Amino acid sequence: MADHVLSEVSAEVAPEREADLLAAYRELVGGALPDGLVRTELLRGADGHWRIQTLWRDRAALEAVRTAPQPPAAPRLFREVGADPTLAVFDVPVRHDPSAESL
């Protein structure tokens, strides 16, 4: 079985645009999500630092989104609020999810 992959798109968002980012992210996750998306989160740090972390079933699922005709959602959301996003991709060779054990 292929390892999961985590994408992390981060940017510094101006305080006056944070509400726009929150609204856009809520709208995004309220709709249809791409095949292979396992989990996604919007994270707020100090001083306007924001991240969207998304766990993918495998690298092929992430690449399908990155090469689709429409731009990937996370960088697009940051650009729409005037931020300059940065992408990092991590392999997840080991994962533990205690909540999945109770299912």
PDB file of N, CA and C in Angstrom:
ATOM      1  N   MET A   1       0.834  -1.184   0.000  1.00  0.00           N
ATOM      2  CA  MET A   1       0.000   0.000   0.000  1.00  0.00           C
ATOM      3  C   MET A   1       0.876   1.243   0.000  1.00  0.00           C
ATOM      4  N   ALA A   2       0.506   2.221  -0.805  1.00  0.00           N
ATOM      5  CA  ALA A   2       1.293   3.451  -0.904  1.00  0.00           C
ATOM      6  C   ALA A   2       1.116   4.293   0.361  1.00  0.00           C
ATOM      7  N   ASP A   3       2.148   5.043   0.699  1.00  0.00           N
ATOM      8  CA  ASP A   3       2.084   5.921   1.862  1.00  0.00           C
ATOM      9  C   ASP A   3       1.188   7.117   1.587  1.00  0.00           C
ATOM     10  N   HIS A   4       0.591   7.625   2.654  1.00  0.00           N
ATOM     11  CA  HIS A   4      -0.133   8.880   2.550  1.00  0.00           C
ATOM     12  C   HIS A   4       0.863   9.998   2.262  1.00  0.00           C
ATOM     13  N   VAL A   5       0.330  11.118   1.759  1.00  0.00           N
ATOM     14  CA  VAL A   5       1.131  12.307   1.481  1.00  0.00           C
ATOM     15  C   VAL A   5       0.400  13.489   2.097  1.00  0.00           C
ATOM     16  N   LEU A   6       1.151  14.400   2.718  1.00  0.00           N
ATOM     17  CA  LEU A   6       0.580  15.598   3.304  1.00  0.00           C
ATOM     18  C   LEU A   6       1.065  16.806   2.528  1.00  0.00           C
ATOM     19  N   SER A   7       0.128  17.612   2.047  1.00  0.00           N
ATOM     20  CA  SER A   7       0.509  18.882   1.429  1.00  0.00           C
ATOM     21  C   SER A   7       0.223  19.989   2.425  1.00  0.00           C
ATOM     22  N   GLU A   8       1.115  20.952   2.447  1.00  0.00           N
ATOM     23  CA  GLU A   8       0.950  22.097   3.340  1.00  0.00           C
ATOM     24  C   GLU A   8       1.171  23.364   2.523  1.00  0.00           C
ATOM     25  N   VAL A   9       0.127  24.156   2.436  1.00  0.00           N
ATOM     26  CA  VAL A   9       0.210  25.439   1.739  1.00  0.00           C
ATOM     27  C   VAL A   9       0.107  26.510   2.811  1.00  0.00           C
ATOM     28  N   SER A  10       1.092  27.395   2.859  1.00  0.00           N
ATOM     29  CA  SER A  10       1.123  28.396   3.919  1.00  0.00           C
ATOM     30  C   SER A  10       1.317  29.787   3.329  1.00  0.00           C
ATOM     31  N   ALA A  11       0.848  30.771   4.090  1.00  0.00           N
ATOM     32  CA  ALA A  11       1.002  32.167   3.657  1.00  0.00           C
ATOM     33  C   ALA A  11       0.741  33.073   4.847  1.00  0.00           C
ATOM     34  N   GLU A  12       1.194  34.294   4.717  1.00  0.00           N
ATOM     35  CA  GLU A  12       0.892  35.326   5.699  1.00  0.00           C
ATOM     36  C   GLU A  12      -0.280  36.128   5.159  1.00  0.00           C
ATOM     37  N   VAL A  13      -1.351  36.204   5.941  1.00  0.00           N
ATOM     38  CA  VAL A  13      -2.582  36.863   5.512  1.00  0.00           C
ATOM     39  C   VAL A  13      -2.774  38.131   6.340  1.00  0.00           C
ATOM     40  N   ALA A  14      -3.082  39.217   5.653  1.00  0.00           N
ATOM     41  CA  ALA A  14      -3.338  40.492   6.340  1.00  0.00           C
ATOM     42  C   ALA A  14      -4.558  40.345   7.246  1.00  0.00           C
ATOM     43  N   PRO A  15      -4.525  40.943   8.425  1.00  0.00           N
ATOM     44  CA  PRO A  15      -5.639  40.800   9.376  1.00  0.00           C
ATOM     45  C   PRO A  15      -7.002  41.137   8.771  1.00  0.00           C
ATOM     46  N   GLU A  16      -7.050  42.143   7.926  1.00  0.00           N
ATOM     47  CA  GLU A  16      -8.330  42.549   7.343  1.00  0.00           C
ATOM     48  C   GLU A  16      -8.857  41.555   6.300  1.00  0.00           C
ATOM     49  N   ARG A  17      -8.047  40.565   5.906  1.00  0.00           N
ATOM     50  CA  ARG A  17      -8.478  39.558   4.930  1.00  0.00           C
ATOM     51  C   ARG A  17      -8.715  38.183   5.560  1.00  0.00           C
ATOM     52  N   GLU A  18      -8.483  38.045   6.864  1.00  0.00           N
ATOM     53  CA  GLU A  18      -8.647  36.751   7.524  1.00  0.00           C
ATOM     54  C   GLU A  18     -10.083  36.242   7.458  1.00  0.00           C
ATOM     55  N   ALA A  19     -11.059  37.121   7.634  1.00  0.00           N
ATOM     56  CA  ALA A  19     -12.469  36.706   7.558  1.00  0.00           C
ATOM     57  C   ALA A  19     -12.794  36.184   6.166  1.00  0.00           C
ATOM     58  N   ASP A  20     -12.218  36.801   5.140  1.00  0.00           N
ATOM     59  CA  ASP A  20     -12.433  36.336   3.762  1.00  0.00           C
ATOM     60  C   ASP A  20     -11.859  34.941   3.571  1.00  0.00           C
ATOM     61  N   LEU A  21     -10.669  34.699   4.132  1.00  0.00           N
ATOM     62  CA  LEU A  21     -10.045  33.376   4.029  1.00  0.00           C
ATOM     63  C   LEU A  21     -10.904  32.327   4.731  1.00  0.00           C
ATOM     64  N   LEU A  22     -11.367  32.624   5.929  1.00  0.00           N
ATOM     65  CA  LEU A  22     -12.220  31.684   6.670  1.00  0.00           C
ATOM     66  C   LEU A  22     -13.490  31.356   5.884  1.00  0.00           C
ATOM     67  N   ALA A  23     -14.131  32.367   5.339  1.00  0.00           N
ATOM     68  CA  ALA A  23     -15.363  32.152   4.574  1.00  0.00           C
ATOM     69  C   ALA A  23     -15.098  31.314   3.333  1.00  0.00           C
ATOM     70  N   ALA A  24     -14.016  31.614   2.623  1.00  0.00           N
ATOM     71  CA  ALA A  24     -13.696  30.869   1.403  1.00  0.00           C
ATOM     72  C   ALA A  24     -13.364  29.417   1.713  1.00  0.00           C
ATOM     73  N   TYR A  25     -12.646  29.171   2.813  1.00  0.00           N
ATOM     74  CA  TYR A  25     -12.302  27.795   3.184  1.00  0.00           C
ATOM     75  C   TYR A  25     -13.558  27.018   3.576  1.00  0.00           C
ATOM     76  N   ARG A  26     -14.427  27.642   4.353  1.00  0.00           N
ATOM     77  CA  ARG A  26     -15.681  26.976   4.744  1.00  0.00           C
ATOM     78  C   ARG A  26     -16.514  26.622   3.507  1.00  0.00           C
ATOM     79  N   GLU A  27     -16.570  27.536   2.560  1.00  0.00           N
ATOM     80  CA  GLU A  27     -17.308  27.260   1.324  1.00  0.00           C
ATOM     81  C   GLU A  27     -16.659  26.105   0.557  1.00  0.00           C
ATOM     82  N   LEU A  28     -15.348  26.116   0.495  1.00  0.00           N
ATOM     83  CA  LEU A  28     -14.618  25.066  -0.212  1.00  0.00           C
ATOM     84  C   LEU A  28     -14.917  23.691   0.378  1.00  0.00           C
ATOM     85  N   VAL A  29     -14.782  23.535   1.674  1.00  0.00           N
ATOM     86  CA  VAL A  29     -14.965  22.218   2.277  1.00  0.00           C
ATOM     87  C   VAL A  29     -16.440  21.827   2.383  1.00  0.00           C
ATOM     88  N   GLY A  30     -17.327  22.774   2.167  1.00  0.00           N
ATOM     89  CA  GLY A  30     -18.749  22.469   2.156  1.00  0.00           C
ATOM     90  C   GLY A  30     -19.218  21.871   0.845  1.00  0.00           C
ATOM     91  N   GLY A  31     -18.350  21.909  -0.172  1.00  0.00           N
ATOM     92  CA  GLY A  31     -18.693  21.373  -1.485  1.00  0.00           C
ATOM     93  C   GLY A  31     -18.034  20.024  -1.726  1.00  0.00           C
ATOM     94  N   ALA A  32     -18.039  19.630  -2.980  1.00  0.00           N
ATOM     95  CA  ALA A  32     -17.415  18.360  -3.371  1.00  0.00           C
ATOM     96  C   ALA A  32     -15.898  18.469  -3.215  1.00  0.00           C
ATOM     97  N   LEU A  33     -15.309  17.450  -2.617  1.00  0.00           N
ATOM     98  CA  LEU A  33     -13.859  17.427  -2.415  1.00  0.00           C
ATOM     99  C   LEU A  33     -13.227  16.433  -3.385  1.00  0.00           C
ATOM    100  N   PRO A  34     -11.963  16.636  -3.732  1.00  0.00           N
ATOM    101  CA  PRO A  34     -11.312  15.766  -4.708  1.00  0.00           C
ATOM    102  C   PRO A  34     -11.161  14.329  -4.219  1.00  0.00           C
ATOM    103  N   ASP A  35     -11.170  13.413  -5.156  1.00  0.00           N
ATOM    104  CA  ASP A  35     -10.931  12.007  -4.853  1.00  0.00           C
ATOM    105  C   ASP A  35      -9.549  11.865  -4.226  1.00  0.00           C
ATOM    106  N   GLY A  36      -9.460  11.088  -3.177  1.00  0.00           N
ATOM    107  CA  GLY A  36      -8.179  10.838  -2.529  1.00  0.00           C
ATOM    108  C   GLY A  36      -7.876  11.761  -1.369  1.00  0.00           C
ATOM    109  N   LEU A  37      -8.711  12.781  -1.141  1.00  0.00           N
ATOM    110  CA  LEU A  37      -8.504  13.666  -0.001  1.00  0.00           C
ATOM    111  C   LEU A  37      -8.993  12.940   1.249  1.00  0.00           C
ATOM    112  N   VAL A  38      -8.097  12.764   2.219  1.00  0.00           N
ATOM    113  CA  VAL A  38      -8.418  12.053   3.453  1.00  0.00           C
ATOM    114  C   VAL A  38      -8.876  13.029   4.536  1.00  0.00           C
ATOM    115  N   ARG A  39      -8.187  14.162   4.648  1.00  0.00           N
ATOM    116  CA  ARG A  39      -8.449  15.135   5.709  1.00  0.00           C
ATOM    117  C   ARG A  39      -7.850  16.467   5.299  1.00  0.00           C
ATOM    118  N   THR A  40      -8.496  17.559   5.679  1.00  0.00           N
ATOM    119  CA  THR A  40      -7.928  18.876   5.435  1.00  0.00           C
ATOM    120  C   THR A  40      -8.258  19.796   6.596  1.00  0.00           C
ATOM    121  N   GLU A  41      -7.347  20.716   6.901  1.00  0.00           N
ATOM    122  CA  GLU A  41      -7.513  21.647   8.016  1.00  0.00           C
ATOM    123  C   GLU A  41      -6.934  22.999   7.663  1.00  0.00           C
ATOM    124  N   LEU A  42      -7.598  24.031   8.133  1.00  0.00           N
ATOM    125  CA  LEU A  42      -7.085  25.397   8.048  1.00  0.00           C
ATOM    126  C   LEU A  42      -6.546  25.741   9.427  1.00  0.00           C
ATOM    127  N   LEU A  43      -5.289  26.110   9.501  1.00  0.00           N
ATOM    128  CA  LEU A  43      -4.610  26.383  10.766  1.00  0.00           C
ATOM    129  C   LEU A  43      -4.187  27.844  10.841  1.00  0.00           C
ATOM    130  N   ARG A  44      -4.441  28.470  11.992  1.00  0.00           N
ATOM    131  CA  ARG A  44      -4.032  29.862  12.202  1.00  0.00           C
ATOM    132  C   ARG A  44      -2.902  29.887  13.212  1.00  0.00           C
ATOM    133  N   GLY A  45      -1.811  30.529  12.855  1.00  0.00           N
ATOM    134  CA  GLY A  45      -0.694  30.707  13.764  1.00  0.00           C
ATOM    135  C   GLY A  45      -0.615  32.154  14.211  1.00  0.00           C
ATOM    136  N   ALA A  46       0.496  32.507  14.790  1.00  0.00           N
ATOM    137  CA  ALA A  46       0.716  33.870  15.263  1.00  0.00           C
ATOM    138  C   ALA A  46       1.049  34.797  14.106  1.00  0.00           C
ATOM    139  N   ASP A  47       0.767  36.059  14.296  1.00  0.00           N
ATOM    140  CA  ASP A  47       1.176  37.116  13.368  1.00  0.00           C
ATOM    141  C   ASP A  47       0.705  36.900  11.943  1.00  0.00           C
ATOM    142  N   GLY A  48      -0.515  36.417  11.762  1.00  0.00           N
ATOM    143  CA  GLY A  48      -1.084  36.286  10.428  1.00  0.00           C
ATOM    144  C   GLY A  48      -0.600  35.102   9.623  1.00  0.00           C
ATOM    145  N   HIS A  49       0.099  34.180  10.255  1.00  0.00           N
ATOM    146  CA  HIS A  49       0.570  32.988   9.548  1.00  0.00           C
ATOM    147  C   HIS A  49      -0.539  31.937   9.521  1.00  0.00           C
ATOM    148  N   TRP A  50      -0.887  31.485   8.324  1.00  0.00           N
ATOM    149  CA  TRP A  50      -1.952  30.505   8.112  1.00  0.00           C
ATOM    150  C   TRP A  50      -1.402  29.340   7.315  1.00  0.00           C
ATOM    151  N   ARG A  51      -2.008  28.158   7.498  1.00  0.00           N
ATOM    152  CA  ARG A  51      -1.631  26.954   6.760  1.00  0.00           C
ATOM    153  C   ARG A  51      -2.892  26.164   6.424  1.00  0.00           C
ATOM    154  N   ILE A  52      -2.867  25.562   5.273  1.00  0.00           N
ATOM    155  CA  ILE A  52      -3.865  24.562   4.925  1.00  0.00           C
ATOM    156  C   ILE A  52      -3.102  23.261   4.766  1.00  0.00           C
ATOM    157  N   GLN A  53      -3.386  22.321   5.664  1.00  0.00           N
ATOM    158  CA  GLN A  53      -2.746  21.005   5.591  1.00  0.00           C
ATOM    159  C   GLN A  53      -3.777  20.008   5.085  1.00  0.00           C
ATOM    160  N   THR A  54      -3.384  19.235   4.099  1.00  0.00           N
ATOM    161  CA  THR A  54      -4.287  18.250   3.514  1.00  0.00           C
ATOM    162  C   THR A  54      -3.579  16.911   3.425  1.00  0.00           C
ATOM    163  N   LEU A  55      -4.222  15.901   3.969  1.00  0.00           N
ATOM    164  CA  LEU A  55      -3.699  14.537   3.913  1.00  0.00           C
ATOM    165  C   LEU A  55      -4.341  13.841   2.722  1.00  0.00           C
ATOM    166  N   TRP A  56      -3.505  13.269   1.867  1.00  0.00           N
ATOM    167  CA  TRP A  56      -3.950  12.588   0.651  1.00  0.00           C
ATOM    168  C   TRP A  56      -3.725  11.091   0.770  1.00  0.00           C
ATOM    169  N   ARG A  57      -4.573  10.335   0.126  1.00  0.00           N
ATOM    170  CA  ARG A  57      -4.475   8.867   0.125  1.00  0.00           C
ATOM    171  C   ARG A  57      -3.096   8.415  -0.351  1.00  0.00           C
ATOM    172  N   ASP A  58      -2.580   9.078  -1.382  1.00  0.00           N
ATOM    173  CA  ASP A  58      -1.262   8.747  -1.934  1.00  0.00           C
ATOM    174  C   ASP A  58      -0.807   9.897  -2.824  1.00  0.00           C
ATOM    175  N   ARG A  59       0.411   9.817  -3.302  1.00  0.00           N
ATOM    176  CA  ARG A  59       0.978  10.882  -4.130  1.00  0.00           C
ATOM    177  C   ARG A  59       0.198  11.045  -5.442  1.00  0.00           C
ATOM    178  N   ALA A  60      -0.314   9.944  -5.981  1.00  0.00           N
ATOM    179  CA  ALA A  60      -1.079  10.024  -7.236  1.00  0.00           C
ATOM    180  C   ALA A  60      -2.321  10.898  -7.067  1.00  0.00           C
ATOM    181  N   ALA A  61      -2.984  10.812  -5.916  1.00  0.00           N
ATOM    182  CA  ALA A  61      -4.166  11.643  -5.664  1.00  0.00           C
ATOM    183  C   ALA A  61      -3.789  13.123  -5.612  1.00  0.00           C
ATOM    184  N   LEU A  62      -2.685  13.433  -4.950  1.00  0.00           N
ATOM    185  CA  LEU A  62      -2.210  14.816  -4.899  1.00  0.00           C
ATOM    186  C   LEU A  62      -1.836  15.304  -6.292  1.00  0.00           C
ATOM    187  N   GLU A  63      -1.100  14.506  -7.038  1.00  0.00           N
ATOM    188  CA  GLU A  63      -0.669  14.918  -8.386  1.00  0.00           C
ATOM    189  C   GLU A  63      -1.860  15.121  -9.317  1.00  0.00           C
ATOM    190  N   ALA A  64      -2.918  14.324  -9.154  1.00  0.00           N
ATOM    191  CA  ALA A  64      -4.112  14.499  -9.986  1.00  0.00           C
ATOM    192  C   ALA A  64      -4.717  15.882  -9.766  1.00  0.00           C
ATOM    193  N   VAL A  65      -4.718  16.342  -8.531  1.00  0.00           N
ATOM    194  CA  VAL A  65      -5.244  17.676  -8.226  1.00  0.00           C
ATOM    195  C   VAL A  65      -4.303  18.754  -8.759  1.00  0.00           C
ATOM    196  N   ARG A  66      -3.020  18.551  -8.587  1.00  0.00           N
ATOM    197  CA  ARG A  66      -2.045  19.566  -9.010  1.00  0.00           C
ATOM    198  C   ARG A  66      -1.973  19.715 -10.518  1.00  0.00           C
ATOM    199  N   THR A  67      -2.320  18.670 -11.271  1.00  0.00           N
ATOM    200  CA  THR A  67      -2.227  18.734 -12.730  1.00  0.00           C
ATOM    201  C   THR A  67      -3.588  18.913 -13.408  1.00  0.00           C
ATOM    202  N   ALA A  68      -4.639  19.063 -12.625  1.00  0.00           N
ATOM    203  CA  ALA A  68      -5.983  19.267 -13.187  1.00  0.00           C
ATOM    204  C   ALA A  68      -6.041  20.626 -13.892  1.00  0.00           C
ATOM    205  N   PRO A  69      -6.992  20.794 -14.805  1.00  0.00           N
ATOM    206  CA  PRO A  69      -7.100  22.074 -15.530  1.00  0.00           C
ATOM    207  C   PRO A  69      -7.336  23.283 -14.616  1.00  0.00           C
ATOM    208  N   GLN A  70      -8.130  23.118 -13.556  1.00  0.00           N
ATOM    209  CA  GLN A  70      -8.360  24.225 -12.633  1.00  0.00           C
ATOM    210  C   GLN A  70      -7.246  24.260 -11.598  1.00  0.00           C
ATOM    211  N   PRO A  71      -6.861  25.448 -11.139  1.00  0.00           N
ATOM    212  CA  PRO A  71      -5.763  25.538 -10.164  1.00  0.00           C
ATOM    213  C   PRO A  71      -6.135  24.872  -8.836  1.00  0.00           C
ATOM    214  N   PRO A  72      -5.145  24.314  -8.132  1.00  0.00           N
ATOM    215  CA  PRO A  72      -5.409  23.701  -6.829  1.00  0.00           C
ATOM    216  C   PRO A  72      -6.048  24.718  -5.869  1.00  0.00           C
ATOM    217  N   ALA A  73      -6.941  24.230  -5.032  1.00  0.00           N
ATOM    218  CA  ALA A  73      -7.756  25.105  -4.197  1.00  0.00           C
ATOM    219  C   ALA A  73      -6.964  25.875  -3.139  1.00  0.00           C
ATOM    220  N   ALA A  74      -6.082  25.216  -2.415  1.00  0.00           N
ATOM    221  CA  ALA A  74      -5.411  25.884  -1.293  1.00  0.00           C
ATOM    222  C   ALA A  74      -4.590  27.098  -1.743  1.00  0.00           C
ATOM    223  N   PRO A  75      -3.713  26.966  -2.742  1.00  0.00           N
ATOM    224  CA  PRO A  75      -2.985  28.161  -3.176  1.00  0.00           C
ATOM    225  C   PRO A  75      -3.916  29.243  -3.720  1.00  0.00           C
ATOM    226  N   ARG A  76      -4.968  28.812  -4.411  1.00  0.00           N
ATOM    227  CA  ARG A  76      -5.922  29.772  -4.979  1.00  0.00           C
ATOM    228  C   ARG A  76      -6.602  30.579  -3.878  1.00  0.00           C
ATOM    229  N   LEU A  77      -7.004  29.918  -2.778  1.00  0.00           N
ATOM    230  CA  LEU A  77      -7.647  30.641  -1.675  1.00  0.00           C
ATOM    231  C   LEU A  77      -6.733  31.717  -1.109  1.00  0.00           C
ATOM    232  N   PHE A  78      -5.463  31.379  -0.914  1.00  0.00           N
ATOM    233  CA  PHE A  78      -4.526  32.371  -0.387  1.00  0.00           C
ATOM    234  C   PHE A  78      -4.329  33.529  -1.372  1.00  0.00           C
ATOM    235  N   ARG A  79      -4.204  33.215  -2.638  1.00  0.00           N
ATOM    236  CA  ARG A  79      -4.024  34.284  -3.633  1.00  0.00           C
ATOM    237  C   ARG A  79      -5.236  35.208  -3.679  1.00  0.00           C
ATOM    238  N   GLU A  80      -6.439  34.628  -3.514  1.00  0.00           N
ATOM    239  CA  GLU A  80      -7.667  35.436  -3.541  1.00  0.00           C
ATOM    240  C   GLU A  80      -7.721  36.444  -2.401  1.00  0.00           C
ATOM    241  N   VAL A  81      -6.998  36.215  -1.318  1.00  0.00           N
ATOM    242  CA  VAL A  81      -6.973  37.169  -0.209  1.00  0.00           C
ATOM    243  C   VAL A  81      -5.670  37.978  -0.205  1.00  0.00           C
ATOM    244  N   GLY A  82      -4.971  37.979  -1.333  1.00  0.00           N
ATOM    245  CA  GLY A  82      -3.788  38.814  -1.491  1.00  0.00           C
ATOM    246  C   GLY A  82      -2.524  38.271  -0.868  1.00  0.00           C
ATOM    247  N   ALA A  83      -2.488  36.977  -0.567  1.00  0.00           N
ATOM    248  CA  ALA A  83      -1.305  36.377   0.059  1.00  0.00           C
ATOM    249  C   ALA A  83      -0.503  35.592  -0.981  1.00  0.00           C
ATOM    250  N   ASP A  84       0.769  35.402  -0.705  1.00  0.00           N
ATOM    251  CA  ASP A  84       1.677  34.671  -1.583  1.00  0.00           C
ATOM    252  C   ASP A  84       1.949  33.296  -0.967  1.00  0.00           C
ATOM    253  N   PRO A  85       1.297  32.238  -1.474  1.00  0.00           N
ATOM    254  CA  PRO A  85       1.408  30.923  -0.834  1.00  0.00           C
ATOM    255  C   PRO A  85       2.710  30.190  -1.141  1.00  0.00           C
ATOM    256  N   THR A  86       3.088  29.339  -0.204  1.00  0.00           N
ATOM    257  CA  THR A  86       4.232  28.451  -0.350  1.00  0.00           C
ATOM    258  C   THR A  86       3.744  27.017  -0.147  1.00  0.00           C
ATOM    259  N   LEU A  87       4.205  26.101  -0.999  1.00  0.00           N
ATOM    260  CA  LEU A  87       3.790  24.698  -0.927  1.00  0.00           C
ATOM    261  C   LEU A  87       4.934  23.833  -0.419  1.00  0.00           C
ATOM    262  N   ALA A  88       4.603  22.921   0.484  1.00  0.00           N
ATOM    263  CA  ALA A  88       5.529  21.882   0.921  1.00  0.00           C
ATOM    264  C   ALA A  88       4.761  20.564   0.878  1.00  0.00           C
ATOM    265  N   VAL A  89       5.451  19.489   0.506  1.00  0.00           N
ATOM    266  CA  VAL A  89       4.837  18.164   0.426  1.00  0.00           C
ATOM    267  C   VAL A  89       5.672  17.207   1.260  1.00  0.00           C
ATOM    268  N   PHE A  90       4.988  16.405   2.081  1.00  0.00           N
ATOM    269  CA  PHE A  90       5.651  15.476   2.978  1.00  0.00           C
ATOM    270  C   PHE A  90       5.099  14.076   2.770  1.00  0.00           C
ATOM    271  N   ASP A  91       5.968  13.091   2.691  1.00  0.00           N
ATOM    272  CA  ASP A  91       5.545  11.696   2.738  1.00  0.00           C
ATOM    273  C   ASP A  91       5.184  11.380   4.183  1.00  0.00           C
ATOM    274  N   VAL A  92       4.204  10.515   4.380  1.00  0.00           N
ATOM    275  CA  VAL A  92       3.765  10.117   5.720  1.00  0.00           C
ATOM    276  C   VAL A  92       3.980   8.609   5.839  1.00  0.00           C
ATOM    277  N   PRO A  93       5.190   8.179   6.190  1.00  0.00           N
ATOM    278  CA  PRO A  93       5.479   6.749   6.232  1.00  0.00           C
ATOM    279  C   PRO A  93       4.809   6.020   7.396  1.00  0.00           C
ATOM    280  N   VAL A  94       4.497   6.753   8.473  1.00  0.00           N
ATOM    281  CA  VAL A  94       3.839   6.149   9.626  1.00  0.00           C
ATOM    282  C   VAL A  94       2.730   7.103  10.064  1.00  0.00           C
ATOM    283  N   ARG A  95       1.560   6.529  10.304  1.00  0.00           N
ATOM    284  CA  ARG A  95       0.419   7.347  10.719  1.00  0.00           C
ATOM    285  C   ARG A  95      -0.356   6.594  11.787  1.00  0.00           C
ATOM    286  N   HIS A  96      -0.776   7.313  12.820  1.00  0.00           N
ATOM    287  CA  HIS A  96      -1.589   6.716  13.874  1.00  0.00           C
ATOM    288  C   HIS A  96      -2.811   7.601  14.087  1.00  0.00           C
ATOM    289  N   ASP A  97      -3.998   7.021  13.991  1.00  0.00           N
ATOM    290  CA  ASP A  97      -5.237   7.746  14.169  1.00  0.00           C
ATOM    291  C   ASP A  97      -6.087   7.021  15.200  1.00  0.00           C
ATOM    292  N   PRO A  98      -5.986   7.398  16.490  1.00  0.00           N
ATOM    293  CA  PRO A  98      -6.736   6.702  17.530  1.00  0.00           C
ATOM    294  C   PRO A  98      -8.242   6.703  17.293  1.00  0.00           C
ATOM    295  N   SER A  99      -8.782   7.751  16.675  1.00  0.00           N
ATOM    296  CA  SER A  99     -10.226   7.809  16.463  1.00  0.00           C
ATOM    297  C   SER A  99     -10.684   6.749  15.458  1.00  0.00           C
ATOM    298  N   ALA A 100      -9.814   6.339  14.543  1.00  0.00           N
ATOM    299  CA  ALA A 100     -10.175   5.312  13.562  1.00  0.00           C
ATOM    300  C   ALA A 100     -10.263   3.920  14.198  1.00  0.00           C
ATOM    301  N   GLU A 101      -9.596   3.728  15.313  1.00  0.00           N
ATOM    302  CA  GLU A 101      -9.591   2.423  15.990  1.00  0.00           C
ATOM    303  C   GLU A 101     -10.962   2.077  16.563  1.00  0.00           C
ATOM    304  N   SER A 102     -11.752   3.086  16.884  1.00  0.00           N
ATOM    305  CA  SER A 102     -13.055   2.830  17.491  1.00  0.00           C
ATOM    306  C   SER A 102     -14.141   2.543  16.455  1.00  0.00           C
ATOM    307  N   LEU A 103     -13.818   2.677  15.184  1.00  0.00           N
ATOM    308  CA  LEU A 103     -14.816   2.440  14.131  1.00  0.00           C
ATOM    309  C   LEU A 103     -15.046   0.983  13.874  1.00  0.00           C
TER     310      LEU A 103
END
